[in-house]
């Protein structure tokens, strides 16, 4: 790693080689299988072959950047989303997506913010730092608080969410649903009396 701290960048070809290596790590975990209905799983199936070619990779990165626009073409039921990559120099460490609004499905599963960290870079604080850095971005999009979900069995992800001020609302199926304030608040605490905004609850 470089001496500089990791940070967010829009999807870029600059980290293509590192990105490809990380996707192989995810594949080794079983990500991208037909039963993997996560954002990452779908992208591995749909774009995996494109990543080997530099021009097609740039088209993929441009596609992700464009999804932040309201008028960008997207699948029915999908909403505008801002994708940010967590990088250290030319090393790709993870991704985070901020969905600009909720659908009924995202209200139950997925929420406003989803993220993935490179398997070999987990438990180093990256997920906590990524979510913390994303909250002001979410606020600039009019999201406050943000809905963030995780599987009940994922204690690491739960710690990340709670460490960023997430307050548990309920469990739907195996999914825990937290509301995370996007304004400034002490770590691990939500503003007193905080309740989900009208915008956060509509799809």
C-alpha atoms as a PDB file:
ATOM      1  CA  UNK A   1       0.000   0.000   0.000  1.00  0.00           C
ATOM      2  CA  UNK A   2       1.008   3.624  -0.464  1.00  0.00           C
ATOM      3  CA  UNK A   3       1.658   6.003   2.427  1.00  0.00           C
ATOM      4  CA  UNK A   4      -1.503   7.968   1.558  1.00  0.00           C
ATOM      5  CA  UNK A   5      -4.748   7.025   3.253  1.00  0.00           C
ATOM      6  CA  UNK A   6      -7.319   5.102   1.200  1.00  0.00           C
ATOM      7  CA  UNK A   7     -10.201   7.149  -0.141  1.00  0.00           C
ATOM      8  CA  UNK A   8     -13.109   7.207  -2.553  1.00  0.00           C
ATOM      9  CA  UNK A   9     -12.885   7.697  -6.297  1.00  0.00           C
ATOM     10  CA  UNK A  10     -15.547   7.342  -8.983  1.00  0.00           C
ATOM     11  CA  UNK A  11     -15.150   4.078 -10.943  1.00  0.00           C
ATOM     12  CA  UNK A  12     -11.934   4.422 -12.942  1.00  0.00           C
ATOM     13  CA  UNK A  13      -9.743   2.382 -15.286  1.00  0.00           C
ATOM     14  CA  UNK A  14      -6.724   3.418 -13.225  1.00  0.00           C
ATOM     15  CA  UNK A  15      -7.262   0.470 -10.875  1.00  0.00           C
ATOM     16  CA  UNK A  16      -8.332  -2.081 -13.505  1.00  0.00           C
ATOM     17  CA  UNK A  17      -5.629  -4.688 -12.866  1.00  0.00           C
ATOM     18  CA  UNK A  18      -6.118  -4.579  -9.121  1.00  0.00           C
ATOM     19  CA  UNK A  19      -9.903  -4.674  -9.582  1.00  0.00           C
ATOM     20  CA  UNK A  20      -9.646  -7.855 -11.674  1.00  0.00           C
ATOM     21  CA  UNK A  21      -7.561  -9.528  -8.972  1.00  0.00           C
ATOM     22  CA  UNK A  22     -10.082  -8.604  -6.303  1.00  0.00           C
ATOM     23  CA  UNK A  23     -12.949  -9.983  -8.373  1.00  0.00           C
ATOM     24  CA  UNK A  24     -11.071 -13.281  -8.533  1.00  0.00           C
ATOM     25  CA  UNK A  25     -10.920 -13.260  -4.737  1.00  0.00           C
ATOM     26  CA  UNK A  26     -14.690 -12.760  -4.621  1.00  0.00           C
ATOM     27  CA  UNK A  27     -15.240 -15.551  -7.154  1.00  0.00           C
ATOM     28  CA  UNK A  28     -13.177 -17.880  -4.959  1.00  0.00           C
ATOM     29  CA  UNK A  29     -15.736 -17.202  -2.207  1.00  0.00           C
ATOM     30  CA  UNK A  30     -18.559 -18.207  -4.538  1.00  0.00           C
ATOM     31  CA  UNK A  31     -19.665 -14.710  -5.484  1.00  0.00           C
ATOM     32  CA  UNK A  32     -21.180 -14.420  -8.938  1.00  0.00           C
ATOM     33  CA  UNK A  33     -22.944 -17.790  -8.760  1.00  0.00           C
ATOM     34  CA  UNK A  34     -26.473 -17.986 -10.138  1.00  0.00           C
ATOM     35  CA  UNK A  35     -27.843 -17.880  -6.592  1.00  0.00           C
ATOM     36  CA  UNK A  36     -25.878 -14.701  -5.711  1.00  0.00           C
ATOM     37  CA  UNK A  37     -28.481 -11.946  -6.037  1.00  0.00           C
ATOM     38  CA  UNK A  38     -26.262  -9.218  -4.597  1.00  0.00           C
ATOM     39  CA  UNK A  39     -25.105  -6.185  -6.567  1.00  0.00           C
ATOM     40  CA  UNK A  40     -21.625  -7.684  -6.783  1.00  0.00           C
ATOM     41  CA  UNK A  41     -22.904 -11.095  -7.854  1.00  0.00           C
ATOM     42  CA  UNK A  42     -24.985  -9.635 -10.666  1.00  0.00           C
ATOM     43  CA  UNK A  43     -22.109  -7.516 -11.930  1.00  0.00           C
ATOM     44  CA  UNK A  44     -19.713 -10.467 -11.988  1.00  0.00           C
ATOM     45  CA  UNK A  45     -22.182 -12.395 -14.144  1.00  0.00           C
ATOM     46  CA  UNK A  46     -23.045  -9.484 -16.424  1.00  0.00           C
ATOM     47  CA  UNK A  47     -19.727  -7.682 -16.844  1.00  0.00           C
ATOM     48  CA  UNK A  48     -17.057 -10.194 -15.822  1.00  0.00           C
ATOM     49  CA  UNK A  49     -15.870 -10.878 -19.368  1.00  0.00           C
ATOM     50  CA  UNK A  50     -15.601  -7.138 -20.096  1.00  0.00           C
ATOM     51  CA  UNK A  51     -13.055  -6.510 -17.360  1.00  0.00           C
ATOM     52  CA  UNK A  52     -10.195  -8.182 -19.237  1.00  0.00           C
ATOM     53  CA  UNK A  53     -10.333  -5.688 -22.122  1.00  0.00           C
ATOM     54  CA  UNK A  54      -9.208  -2.119 -21.246  1.00  0.00           C
ATOM     55  CA  UNK A  55     -11.726  -0.417 -23.546  1.00  0.00           C
ATOM     56  CA  UNK A  56     -14.615  -2.534 -22.345  1.00  0.00           C
ATOM     57  CA  UNK A  57     -13.545  -1.979 -18.747  1.00  0.00           C
ATOM     58  CA  UNK A  58     -13.678   1.784 -19.297  1.00  0.00           C
ATOM     59  CA  UNK A  59     -17.169   1.361 -20.752  1.00  0.00           C
ATOM     60  CA  UNK A  60     -18.130  -0.560 -17.604  1.00  0.00           C
ATOM     61  CA  UNK A  61     -16.713   2.174 -15.358  1.00  0.00           C
ATOM     62  CA  UNK A  62     -18.533   4.822 -17.406  1.00  0.00           C
ATOM     63  CA  UNK A  63     -21.763   2.830 -17.051  1.00  0.00           C
ATOM     64  CA  UNK A  64     -21.399   2.834 -13.260  1.00  0.00           C
ATOM     65  CA  UNK A  65     -20.649   6.558 -13.177  1.00  0.00           C
ATOM     66  CA  UNK A  66     -23.696   7.277 -15.343  1.00  0.00           C
ATOM     67  CA  UNK A  67     -26.039   5.485 -12.950  1.00  0.00           C
ATOM     68  CA  UNK A  68     -25.921   8.528 -10.666  1.00  0.00           C
ATOM     69  CA  UNK A  69     -27.941  10.467 -13.265  1.00  0.00           C
ATOM     70  CA  UNK A  70     -31.705  10.435 -12.969  1.00  0.00           C
ATOM     71  CA  UNK A  71     -32.117  10.061 -16.739  1.00  0.00           C
ATOM     72  CA  UNK A  72     -29.620   7.204 -17.222  1.00  0.00           C
ATOM     73  CA  UNK A  73     -31.001   3.982 -18.767  1.00  0.00           C
ATOM     74  CA  UNK A  74     -31.487   1.299 -16.142  1.00  0.00           C
ATOM     75  CA  UNK A  75     -33.477  -1.856 -15.526  1.00  0.00           C
ATOM     76  CA  UNK A  76     -37.106  -1.540 -14.444  1.00  0.00           C
ATOM     77  CA  UNK A  77     -37.298  -1.200 -10.682  1.00  0.00           C
ATOM     78  CA  UNK A  78     -33.739   0.107 -10.337  1.00  0.00           C
ATOM     79  CA  UNK A  79     -33.085   3.581  -8.933  1.00  0.00           C
ATOM     80  CA  UNK A  80     -30.285   6.105  -9.489  1.00  0.00           C
ATOM     81  CA  UNK A  81     -27.200   5.188  -7.498  1.00  0.00           C
ATOM     82  CA  UNK A  82     -23.790   6.702  -6.833  1.00  0.00           C
ATOM     83  CA  UNK A  83     -20.994   4.115  -6.935  1.00  0.00           C
ATOM     84  CA  UNK A  84     -17.692   4.921  -5.236  1.00  0.00           C
ATOM     85  CA  UNK A  85     -14.561   2.791  -5.215  1.00  0.00           C
ATOM     86  CA  UNK A  86     -12.312   2.660  -2.143  1.00  0.00           C
ATOM     87  CA  UNK A  87      -8.716   2.766  -3.382  1.00  0.00           C
ATOM     88  CA  UNK A  88      -5.182   3.209  -2.121  1.00  0.00           C
ATOM     89  CA  UNK A  89      -3.146   4.556  -5.011  1.00  0.00           C
ATOM     90  CA  UNK A  90      -3.742   2.020  -7.784  1.00  0.00           C
ATOM     91  CA  UNK A  91      -4.967  -0.665  -5.386  1.00  0.00           C
ATOM     92  CA  UNK A  92      -8.684  -1.388  -5.405  1.00  0.00           C
ATOM     93  CA  UNK A  93      -9.950  -2.217  -1.907  1.00  0.00           C
ATOM     94  CA  UNK A  94     -13.718  -2.154  -2.175  1.00  0.00           C
ATOM     95  CA  UNK A  95     -16.853  -0.494  -3.431  1.00  0.00           C
ATOM     96  CA  UNK A  96     -19.837   1.303  -1.987  1.00  0.00           C
ATOM     97  CA  UNK A  97     -23.133   2.200  -3.646  1.00  0.00           C
ATOM     98  CA  UNK A  98     -25.586   4.836  -2.449  1.00  0.00           C
ATOM     99  CA  UNK A  99     -29.107   4.333  -3.804  1.00  0.00           C
ATOM    100  CA  UNK A 100     -30.728   7.730  -4.091  1.00  0.00           C
ATOM    101  CA  UNK A 101     -34.150   6.523  -2.974  1.00  0.00           C
ATOM    102  CA  UNK A 102     -35.849   3.386  -1.734  1.00  0.00           C
ATOM    103  CA  UNK A 103     -38.181   0.977  -3.462  1.00  0.00           C
ATOM    104  CA  UNK A 104     -40.388  -1.433  -1.490  1.00  0.00           C
ATOM    105  CA  UNK A 105     -37.782  -4.152  -2.073  1.00  0.00           C
ATOM    106  CA  UNK A 106     -34.872  -1.959  -0.954  1.00  0.00           C
ATOM    107  CA  UNK A 107     -36.866  -0.969   2.115  1.00  0.00           C
ATOM    108  CA  UNK A 108     -36.875  -4.625   3.176  1.00  0.00           C
ATOM    109  CA  UNK A 109     -33.478  -5.685   1.847  1.00  0.00           C
ATOM    110  CA  UNK A 110     -30.555  -3.568   0.714  1.00  0.00           C
ATOM    111  CA  UNK A 111     -31.414  -0.097   1.953  1.00  0.00           C
ATOM    112  CA  UNK A 112     -29.742   3.078   0.758  1.00  0.00           C
ATOM    113  CA  UNK A 113     -26.126   1.963   1.142  1.00  0.00           C
ATOM    114  CA  UNK A 114     -24.391  -1.296   0.261  1.00  0.00           C
ATOM    115  CA  UNK A 115     -20.680  -2.076   0.280  1.00  0.00           C
ATOM    116  CA  UNK A 116     -18.129  -4.829  -0.321  1.00  0.00           C
ATOM    117  CA  UNK A 117     -14.520  -5.006   0.881  1.00  0.00           C
ATOM    118  CA  UNK A 118     -11.736  -6.992  -0.782  1.00  0.00           C
ATOM    119  CA  UNK A 119     -11.669 -10.360   1.034  1.00  0.00           C
ATOM    120  CA  UNK A 120      -7.959 -10.183   1.882  1.00  0.00           C
ATOM    121  CA  UNK A 121      -8.368  -6.600   3.207  1.00  0.00           C
ATOM    122  CA  UNK A 122     -11.192  -7.306   5.668  1.00  0.00           C
ATOM    123  CA  UNK A 123     -10.994  -6.639   9.411  1.00  0.00           C
ATOM    124  CA  UNK A 124      -8.633  -3.721   8.798  1.00  0.00           C
ATOM    125  CA  UNK A 125     -11.196  -0.984   9.345  1.00  0.00           C
ATOM    126  CA  UNK A 126     -11.988  -0.323   5.697  1.00  0.00           C
ATOM    127  CA  UNK A 127     -15.731  -0.986   5.924  1.00  0.00           C
ATOM    128  CA  UNK A 128     -16.119   1.361   8.897  1.00  0.00           C
ATOM    129  CA  UNK A 129     -14.118   4.077   7.134  1.00  0.00           C
ATOM    130  CA  UNK A 130     -16.048   3.610   3.891  1.00  0.00           C
ATOM    131  CA  UNK A 131     -19.437   3.952   5.533  1.00  0.00           C
ATOM    132  CA  UNK A 132     -18.298   6.989   7.527  1.00  0.00           C
ATOM    133  CA  UNK A 133     -16.994   8.669   4.361  1.00  0.00           C
ATOM    134  CA  UNK A 134     -20.210   7.873   2.492  1.00  0.00           C
ATOM    135  CA  UNK A 135     -22.600   9.453   4.994  1.00  0.00           C
ATOM    136  CA  UNK A 136     -21.880  13.084   3.975  1.00  0.00           C
ATOM    137  CA  UNK A 137     -22.338  12.055   0.340  1.00  0.00           C
ATOM    138  CA  UNK A 138     -25.701  10.530   1.205  1.00  0.00           C
ATOM    139  CA  UNK A 139     -26.670  13.697   3.036  1.00  0.00           C
ATOM    140  CA  UNK A 140     -25.788  15.783  -0.034  1.00  0.00           C
ATOM    141  CA  UNK A 141     -28.283  13.619  -1.959  1.00  0.00           C
ATOM    142  CA  UNK A 142     -31.044  14.489   0.507  1.00  0.00           C
ATOM    143  CA  UNK A 143     -30.871  11.216   2.439  1.00  0.00           C
ATOM    144  CA  UNK A 144     -31.126  11.538   6.224  1.00  0.00           C
ATOM    145  CA  UNK A 145     -31.144   9.096   7.860  1.00  0.00           C
ATOM    146  CA  UNK A 146     -29.871   6.322   5.588  1.00  0.00           C
ATOM    147  CA  UNK A 147     -31.225   2.789   5.745  1.00  0.00           C
ATOM    148  CA  UNK A 148     -28.428   0.193   5.950  1.00  0.00           C
ATOM    149  CA  UNK A 149     -29.129  -3.522   6.304  1.00  0.00           C
ATOM    150  CA  UNK A 150     -27.122  -6.639   7.066  1.00  0.00           C
ATOM    151  CA  UNK A 151     -27.747 -10.303   7.627  1.00  0.00           C
ATOM    152  CA  UNK A 152     -28.423 -11.202  11.257  1.00  0.00           C
ATOM    153  CA  UNK A 153     -25.431 -13.559  11.241  1.00  0.00           C
ATOM    154  CA  UNK A 154     -22.997 -10.896   9.971  1.00  0.00           C
ATOM    155  CA  UNK A 155     -21.710  -9.562  13.275  1.00  0.00           C
ATOM    156  CA  UNK A 156     -18.853  -7.692  11.599  1.00  0.00           C
ATOM    157  CA  UNK A 157     -21.208  -5.698   9.403  1.00  0.00           C
ATOM    158  CA  UNK A 158     -23.468  -5.001  12.361  1.00  0.00           C
ATOM    159  CA  UNK A 159     -20.515  -3.533  14.267  1.00  0.00           C
ATOM    160  CA  UNK A 160     -19.664  -1.352  11.263  1.00  0.00           C
ATOM    161  CA  UNK A 161     -23.210   0.012  11.077  1.00  0.00           C
ATOM    162  CA  UNK A 162     -23.577   0.581  14.804  1.00  0.00           C
ATOM    163  CA  UNK A 163     -20.118   2.152  14.940  1.00  0.00           C
ATOM    164  CA  UNK A 164     -21.387   4.743  12.478  1.00  0.00           C
ATOM    165  CA  UNK A 165     -24.427   5.568  14.595  1.00  0.00           C
ATOM    166  CA  UNK A 166     -26.872   3.012  13.187  1.00  0.00           C
ATOM    167  CA  UNK A 167     -29.989   2.388  15.250  1.00  0.00           C
ATOM    168  CA  UNK A 168     -31.752  -0.957  14.820  1.00  0.00           C
ATOM    169  CA  UNK A 169     -35.370  -0.631  13.752  1.00  0.00           C
ATOM    170  CA  UNK A 170     -36.394  -4.247  13.170  1.00  0.00           C
ATOM    171  CA  UNK A 171     -35.595  -7.573  11.530  1.00  0.00           C
ATOM    172  CA  UNK A 172     -37.272  -8.708   8.326  1.00  0.00           C
ATOM    173  CA  UNK A 173     -36.564 -12.341   7.593  1.00  0.00           C
ATOM    174  CA  UNK A 174     -32.874 -12.725   8.429  1.00  0.00           C
ATOM    175  CA  UNK A 175     -32.128  -9.084   7.612  1.00  0.00           C
ATOM    176  CA  UNK A 176     -31.489  -6.467  10.307  1.00  0.00           C
ATOM    177  CA  UNK A 177     -32.502  -2.916   9.361  1.00  0.00           C
ATOM    178  CA  UNK A 178     -30.672   0.101  10.771  1.00  0.00           C
ATOM    179  CA  UNK A 179     -31.209   3.838  10.323  1.00  0.00           C
ATOM    180  CA  UNK A 180     -27.917   5.723  10.228  1.00  0.00           C
ATOM    181  CA  UNK A 181     -27.875   9.529  10.636  1.00  0.00           C
ATOM    182  CA  UNK A 182     -25.995  11.250   7.830  1.00  0.00           C
ATOM    183  CA  UNK A 183     -25.463  14.429   9.830  1.00  0.00           C
ATOM    184  CA  UNK A 184     -22.729  14.708  12.417  1.00  0.00           C
ATOM    185  CA  UNK A 185     -23.310  12.666  15.574  1.00  0.00           C
ATOM    186  CA  UNK A 186     -21.035  11.052  18.152  1.00  0.00           C
ATOM    187  CA  UNK A 187     -19.702   7.675  17.023  1.00  0.00           C
ATOM    188  CA  UNK A 188     -22.126   4.895  17.843  1.00  0.00           C
ATOM    189  CA  UNK A 189     -24.942   7.308  18.680  1.00  0.00           C
ATOM    190  CA  UNK A 190     -27.865   8.703  16.731  1.00  0.00           C
ATOM    191  CA  UNK A 191     -29.241  12.196  17.282  1.00  0.00           C
ATOM    192  CA  UNK A 192     -31.780  12.287  20.101  1.00  0.00           C
ATOM    193  CA  UNK A 193     -35.302  11.672  18.858  1.00  0.00           C
ATOM    194  CA  UNK A 194     -34.064  10.784  15.362  1.00  0.00           C
ATOM    195  CA  UNK A 195     -36.755   9.301  13.165  1.00  0.00           C
ATOM    196  CA  UNK A 196     -36.615   8.262   9.516  1.00  0.00           C
ATOM    197  CA  UNK A 197     -37.449  11.136   7.207  1.00  0.00           C
ATOM    198  CA  UNK A 198     -40.339  11.025   4.764  1.00  0.00           C
ATOM    199  CA  UNK A 199     -37.911  10.800   1.846  1.00  0.00           C
ATOM    200  CA  UNK A 200     -36.120   7.816   3.359  1.00  0.00           C
ATOM    201  CA  UNK A 201     -39.283   5.787   3.628  1.00  0.00           C
ATOM    202  CA  UNK A 202     -40.660   6.271   0.123  1.00  0.00           C
ATOM    203  CA  UNK A 203     -39.717   4.186  -2.868  1.00  0.00           C
END
